[in-house]
C-alpha atoms as a PDB file:
ATOM      1  CA  UNK A   1       0.181   0.094   0.232  1.00  0.00           C
ATOM      2  CA  UNK A   2       3.072   2.332   0.666  1.00  0.00           C
ATOM      3  CA  UNK A   3       4.364   1.798  -2.258  1.00  0.00           C
ATOM      4  CA  UNK A   4       1.816   2.696  -4.404  1.00  0.00           C
ATOM      5  CA  UNK A   5       0.909   6.283  -2.533  1.00  0.00           C
ATOM      6  CA  UNK A   6       5.202   6.181  -2.983  1.00  0.00           C
ATOM      7  CA  UNK A   7       4.802   6.829   0.905  1.00  0.00           C
ATOM      8  CA  UNK A   8       8.440   5.677   2.733  1.00  0.00           C
ATOM      9  CA  UNK A   9       7.298   3.383   5.218  1.00  0.00           C
ATOM     10  CA  UNK A  10       8.455   4.278   8.913  1.00  0.00           C
ATOM     11  CA  UNK A  11       8.545   1.893  12.256  1.00  0.00           C
ATOM     12  CA  UNK A  12       6.571   3.252  15.196  1.00  0.00           C
ATOM     13  CA  UNK A  13       8.420   3.518  18.613  1.00  0.00           C
ATOM     14  CA  UNK A  14       5.737   4.648  20.763  1.00  0.00           C
ATOM     15  CA  UNK A  15       3.195   3.179  21.728  1.00  0.00           C
ATOM     16  CA  UNK A  16      -1.142   4.283  21.276  1.00  0.00           C
ATOM     17  CA  UNK A  17      -2.228   5.170  25.579  1.00  0.00           C
ATOM     18  CA  UNK A  18      -5.904   4.419  25.890  1.00  0.00           C
ATOM     19  CA  UNK A  19      -8.749   2.800  22.874  1.00  0.00           C
ATOM     20  CA  UNK A  20      -9.063   6.960  21.401  1.00  0.00           C
ATOM     21  CA  UNK A  21      -7.513   8.365  19.063  1.00  0.00           C
ATOM     22  CA  UNK A  22      -6.403   4.594  18.807  1.00  0.00           C
ATOM     23  CA  UNK A  23      -4.649   3.575  15.349  1.00  0.00           C
ATOM     24  CA  UNK A  24      -5.880   2.845  11.848  1.00  0.00           C
ATOM     25  CA  UNK A  25      -3.959  -0.159   9.465  1.00  0.00           C
ATOM     26  CA  UNK A  26      -4.912  -0.212   5.475  1.00  0.00           C
ATOM     27  CA  UNK A  27      -4.702  -3.304   3.462  1.00  0.00           C
ATOM     28  CA  UNK A  28      -5.592  -3.151  -0.764  1.00  0.00           C
ATOM     29  CA  UNK A  29      -8.956  -5.197  -1.759  1.00  0.00           C
ATOM     30  CA  UNK A  30      -9.867  -6.807  -4.657  1.00  0.00           C
ATOM     31  CA  UNK A  31     -13.099  -6.225  -5.933  1.00  0.00           C
ATOM     32  CA  UNK A  32     -13.455  -9.486  -8.414  1.00  0.00           C
ATOM     33  CA  UNK A  33     -14.185  -6.789 -10.698  1.00  0.00           C
ATOM     34  CA  UNK A  34     -11.045  -5.513 -14.291  1.00  0.00           C
ATOM     35  CA  UNK A  35     -10.024  -2.441 -12.457  1.00  0.00           C
ATOM     36  CA  UNK A  36     -12.360  -2.338  -8.892  1.00  0.00           C
ATOM     37  CA  UNK A  37     -10.174  -1.728  -5.800  1.00  0.00           C
ATOM     38  CA  UNK A  38     -10.984  -0.672  -2.510  1.00  0.00           C
ATOM     39  CA  UNK A  39      -9.334   0.516   0.570  1.00  0.00           C
ATOM     40  CA  UNK A  40     -10.252  -1.132   3.503  1.00  0.00           C
ATOM     41  CA  UNK A  41      -8.977   1.015   7.052  1.00  0.00           C
ATOM     42  CA  UNK A  42      -9.452  -1.068  10.127  1.00  0.00           C
ATOM     43  CA  UNK A  43      -9.172   0.260  13.824  1.00  0.00           C
ATOM     44  CA  UNK A  44      -7.450  -0.810  16.653  1.00  0.00           C
ATOM     45  CA  UNK A  45      -8.904  -1.008  19.134  1.00  0.00           C
ATOM     46  CA  UNK A  46     -12.188  -0.861  18.139  1.00  0.00           C
ATOM     47  CA  UNK A  47     -11.739  -2.950  15.431  1.00  0.00           C
ATOM     48  CA  UNK A  48     -14.718  -0.985  13.129  1.00  0.00           C
ATOM     49  CA  UNK A  49     -13.264  -1.377   9.118  1.00  0.00           C
ATOM     50  CA  UNK A  50     -14.052   1.289   6.892  1.00  0.00           C
ATOM     51  CA  UNK A  51     -14.335   0.810   3.303  1.00  0.00           C
ATOM     52  CA  UNK A  52     -12.798   3.383   0.438  1.00  0.00           C
ATOM     53  CA  UNK A  53     -13.043   2.435  -2.926  1.00  0.00           C
ATOM     54  CA  UNK A  54     -10.492   3.365  -5.230  1.00  0.00           C
ATOM     55  CA  UNK A  55      -6.177   2.396  -4.859  1.00  0.00           C
ATOM     56  CA  UNK A  56      -5.396   6.079  -3.601  1.00  0.00           C
ATOM     57  CA  UNK A  57      -3.979   5.689   0.161  1.00  0.00           C
ATOM     58  CA  UNK A  58      -3.804   9.604  -0.158  1.00  0.00           C
ATOM     59  CA  UNK A  59      -7.010  10.041  -1.837  1.00  0.00           C
ATOM     60  CA  UNK A  60      -8.916   7.512   0.899  1.00  0.00           C
ATOM     61  CA  UNK A  61      -7.292   9.135   3.977  1.00  0.00           C
ATOM     62  CA  UNK A  62      -8.858  12.297   2.789  1.00  0.00           C
ATOM     63  CA  UNK A  63     -11.987  10.122   3.042  1.00  0.00           C
ATOM     64  CA  UNK A  64     -11.487   8.118   5.833  1.00  0.00           C
ATOM     65  CA  UNK A  65     -13.056  11.234   8.822  1.00  0.00           C
ATOM     66  CA  UNK A  66     -16.004  11.889   5.693  1.00  0.00           C
ATOM     67  CA  UNK A  67     -16.799   7.892   6.110  1.00  0.00           C
ATOM     68  CA  UNK A  68     -16.444   6.825  10.147  1.00  0.00           C
ATOM     69  CA  UNK A  69     -19.051   9.510  10.758  1.00  0.00           C
ATOM     70  CA  UNK A  70     -21.155   8.154   8.168  1.00  0.00           C
ATOM     71  CA  UNK A  71     -21.092   4.777  10.019  1.00  0.00           C
ATOM     72  CA  UNK A  72     -21.093   6.079  13.168  1.00  0.00           C
ATOM     73  CA  UNK A  73     -24.259   8.076  12.776  1.00  0.00           C
ATOM     74  CA  UNK A  74     -25.806   5.910  11.030  1.00  0.00           C
ATOM     75  CA  UNK A  75     -25.456   3.248  14.223  1.00  0.00           C
ATOM     76  CA  UNK A  76     -26.082   5.946  16.956  1.00  0.00           C
ATOM     77  CA  UNK A  77     -22.397   6.311  17.552  1.00  0.00           C
ATOM     78  CA  UNK A  78     -21.856  10.134  16.774  1.00  0.00           C
ATOM     79  CA  UNK A  79     -20.724  11.123  19.276  1.00  0.00           C
ATOM     80  CA  UNK A  80     -17.935   9.404  20.080  1.00  0.00           C
ATOM     81  CA  UNK A  81     -16.586  10.926  16.463  1.00  0.00           C
ATOM     82  CA  UNK A  82     -14.147  13.389  18.158  1.00  0.00           C
ATOM     83  CA  UNK A  83     -11.998  11.088  20.720  1.00  0.00           C
ATOM     84  CA  UNK A  84     -11.192   9.566  16.994  1.00  0.00           C
ATOM     85  CA  UNK A  85      -9.162  12.823  16.112  1.00  0.00           C
ATOM     86  CA  UNK A  86      -9.115  11.665  12.200  1.00  0.00           C
ATOM     87  CA  UNK A  87      -9.359  15.971  11.222  1.00  0.00           C
ATOM     88  CA  UNK A  88      -5.814  15.910  12.073  1.00  0.00           C
ATOM     89  CA  UNK A  89      -2.475  15.064   9.697  1.00  0.00           C
ATOM     90  CA  UNK A  90      -2.033  11.479   9.274  1.00  0.00           C
ATOM     91  CA  UNK A  91       0.967   9.612  11.081  1.00  0.00           C
ATOM     92  CA  UNK A  92       1.935   6.515   8.350  1.00  0.00           C
ATOM     93  CA  UNK A  93       3.228   4.201  10.065  1.00  0.00           C
ATOM     94  CA  UNK A  94       4.435  -0.238   9.275  1.00  0.00           C
ATOM     95  CA  UNK A  95       3.871  -2.893  11.446  1.00  0.00           C
ATOM     96  CA  UNK A  96       5.143  -6.294  12.605  1.00  0.00           C
ATOM     97  CA  UNK A  97       2.130  -7.119  14.824  1.00  0.00           C
ATOM     98  CA  UNK A  98       0.724 -10.489  14.121  1.00  0.00           C
ATOM     99  CA  UNK A  99      -2.430 -10.273  15.655  1.00  0.00           C
ATOM    100  CA  UNK A 100      -2.691  -7.257  13.447  1.00  0.00           C
ATOM    101  CA  UNK A 101      -1.765  -8.282  10.392  1.00  0.00           C
ATOM    102  CA  UNK A 102      -4.019 -12.225  10.756  1.00  0.00           C
ATOM    103  CA  UNK A 103      -7.304 -10.320  11.927  1.00  0.00           C
ATOM    104  CA  UNK A 104      -5.989  -7.807   8.561  1.00  0.00           C
ATOM    105  CA  UNK A 105      -5.678 -11.425   6.203  1.00  0.00           C
ATOM    106  CA  UNK A 106      -8.750 -12.766   7.371  1.00  0.00           C
ATOM    107  CA  UNK A 107     -10.930  -9.943   7.937  1.00  0.00           C
ATOM    108  CA  UNK A 108      -9.458  -8.893   3.629  1.00  0.00           C
ATOM    109  CA  UNK A 109     -10.309 -13.050   2.036  1.00  0.00           C
ATOM    110  CA  UNK A 110     -13.838 -12.378   3.953  1.00  0.00           C
ATOM    111  CA  UNK A 111     -14.185  -8.738   2.446  1.00  0.00           C
ATOM    112  CA  UNK A 112     -12.908  -9.547  -0.939  1.00  0.00           C
ATOM    113  CA  UNK A 113     -15.542 -12.178  -0.910  1.00  0.00           C
ATOM    114  CA  UNK A 114     -18.774 -10.213  -0.251  1.00  0.00           C
ATOM    115  CA  UNK A 115     -16.986  -7.525  -2.277  1.00  0.00           C
ATOM    116  CA  UNK A 116     -17.549 -10.099  -4.793  1.00  0.00           C
ATOM    117  CA  UNK A 117     -20.987 -11.402  -4.785  1.00  0.00           C
ATOM    118  CA  UNK A 118     -22.349  -7.232  -4.884  1.00  0.00           C
ATOM    119  CA  UNK A 119     -23.784  -6.778  -8.239  1.00  0.00           C
ATOM    120  CA  UNK A 120     -22.727  -3.362  -7.475  1.00  0.00           C
ATOM    121  CA  UNK A 121     -20.175  -1.668  -6.041  1.00  0.00           C
ATOM    122  CA  UNK A 122     -22.458   2.149  -5.044  1.00  0.00           C
ATOM    123  CA  UNK A 123     -22.255   3.800  -1.797  1.00  0.00           C
ATOM    124  CA  UNK A 124     -25.156   2.141  -0.525  1.00  0.00           C
ATOM    125  CA  UNK A 125     -23.748  -1.315  -0.238  1.00  0.00           C
ATOM    126  CA  UNK A 126     -20.533  -0.222   0.921  1.00  0.00           C
ATOM    127  CA  UNK A 127     -22.417   1.158   3.743  1.00  0.00           C
ATOM    128  CA  UNK A 128     -23.921  -1.964   4.214  1.00  0.00           C
ATOM    129  CA  UNK A 129     -20.735  -3.849   4.515  1.00  0.00           C
ATOM    130  CA  UNK A 130     -19.022  -1.582   6.995  1.00  0.00           C
ATOM    131  CA  UNK A 131     -22.427  -1.996   9.508  1.00  0.00           C
ATOM    132  CA  UNK A 132     -22.321  -5.575   8.944  1.00  0.00           C
ATOM    133  CA  UNK A 133     -18.616  -5.683  10.405  1.00  0.00           C
ATOM    134  CA  UNK A 134     -19.312  -4.385  13.017  1.00  0.00           C
ATOM    135  CA  UNK A 135     -20.819  -7.472  13.599  1.00  0.00           C
ATOM    136  CA  UNK A 136     -17.923  -8.956  12.949  1.00  0.00           C
ATOM    137  CA  UNK A 137     -16.649 -11.713  15.505  1.00  0.00           C
ATOM    138  CA  UNK A 138     -13.188 -11.528  15.826  1.00  0.00           C
ATOM    139  CA  UNK A 139     -11.216 -13.282  18.597  1.00  0.00           C
ATOM    140  CA  UNK A 140      -7.526 -14.588  19.108  1.00  0.00           C
ATOM    141  CA  UNK A 141      -4.603 -12.706  21.011  1.00  0.00           C
ATOM    142  CA  UNK A 142      -7.191  -9.152  19.864  1.00  0.00           C
ATOM    143  CA  UNK A 143      -9.613 -10.386  22.146  1.00  0.00           C
ATOM    144  CA  UNK A 144      -7.973 -12.189  24.944  1.00  0.00           C
ATOM    145  CA  UNK A 145      -6.393  -8.620  25.301  1.00  0.00           C
ATOM    146  CA  UNK A 146      -9.694  -7.376  26.410  1.00  0.00           C
ATOM    147  CA  UNK A 147     -10.510 -10.019  28.122  1.00  0.00           C
ATOM    148  CA  UNK A 148     -12.415 -11.823  25.742  1.00  0.00           C
ATOM    149  CA  UNK A 149     -12.601 -14.936  23.913  1.00  0.00           C
ATOM    150  CA  UNK A 150     -14.364 -12.581  20.663  1.00  0.00           C
ATOM    151  CA  UNK A 151     -15.606  -9.797  21.005  1.00  0.00           C
ATOM    152  CA  UNK A 152     -17.416  -7.372  18.236  1.00  0.00           C
ATOM    153  CA  UNK A 153     -16.363  -3.694  17.360  1.00  0.00           C
ATOM    154  CA  UNK A 154     -20.063  -3.204  18.149  1.00  0.00           C
ATOM    155  CA  UNK A 155     -19.290  -4.142  21.977  1.00  0.00           C
ATOM    156  CA  UNK A 156     -15.906  -2.324  21.166  1.00  0.00           C
ATOM    157  CA  UNK A 157     -17.833   0.452  20.527  1.00  0.00           C
ATOM    158  CA  UNK A 158     -20.778   0.146  23.454  1.00  0.00           C
ATOM    159  CA  UNK A 159     -17.691  -0.237  25.994  1.00  0.00           C
ATOM    160  CA  UNK A 160     -16.585   3.338  24.600  1.00  0.00           C
ATOM    161  CA  UNK A 161     -20.274   4.799  25.181  1.00  0.00           C
ATOM    162  CA  UNK A 162     -20.754   3.914  28.535  1.00  0.00           C
ATOM    163  CA  UNK A 163     -17.094   5.032  29.548  1.00  0.00           C
ATOM    164  CA  UNK A 164     -15.942   1.515  30.262  1.00  0.00           C
ATOM    165  CA  UNK A 165     -12.933   0.494  27.902  1.00  0.00           C
END
């Protein structure tokens, strides 16, 4: 992704404290259509998935705040939007976190399958996919770090809304 956007990768040394603003991870997905690509953004630790049509990371970063605001407002979490601090200059890093990379790979396969099933890649269908992935079960190390066997983005957002992180 970074090579396509001509962004030089940087290793992040500091750790993020608290659930917000958190970290965003991105991967390029195939839609199963000629010339069709989608950029998948995954937020850690909430596990929110945002999908942006196209393959330009720079353009997708411009759309990320708008797409996130739409997802949060559609699902009753609009008041959490300021905590994500998306209207600041993004800092782009690489990761070697096997847990994040494993979950991104699993989600990539599942999302590409669901994208290929869509008749059209219109905004309504993309919104529906984002909403559906709020209930996507994630297990493994990410869930265990939250003290659970499995976690969902919806549960993570509800915890944030109720003041429990």
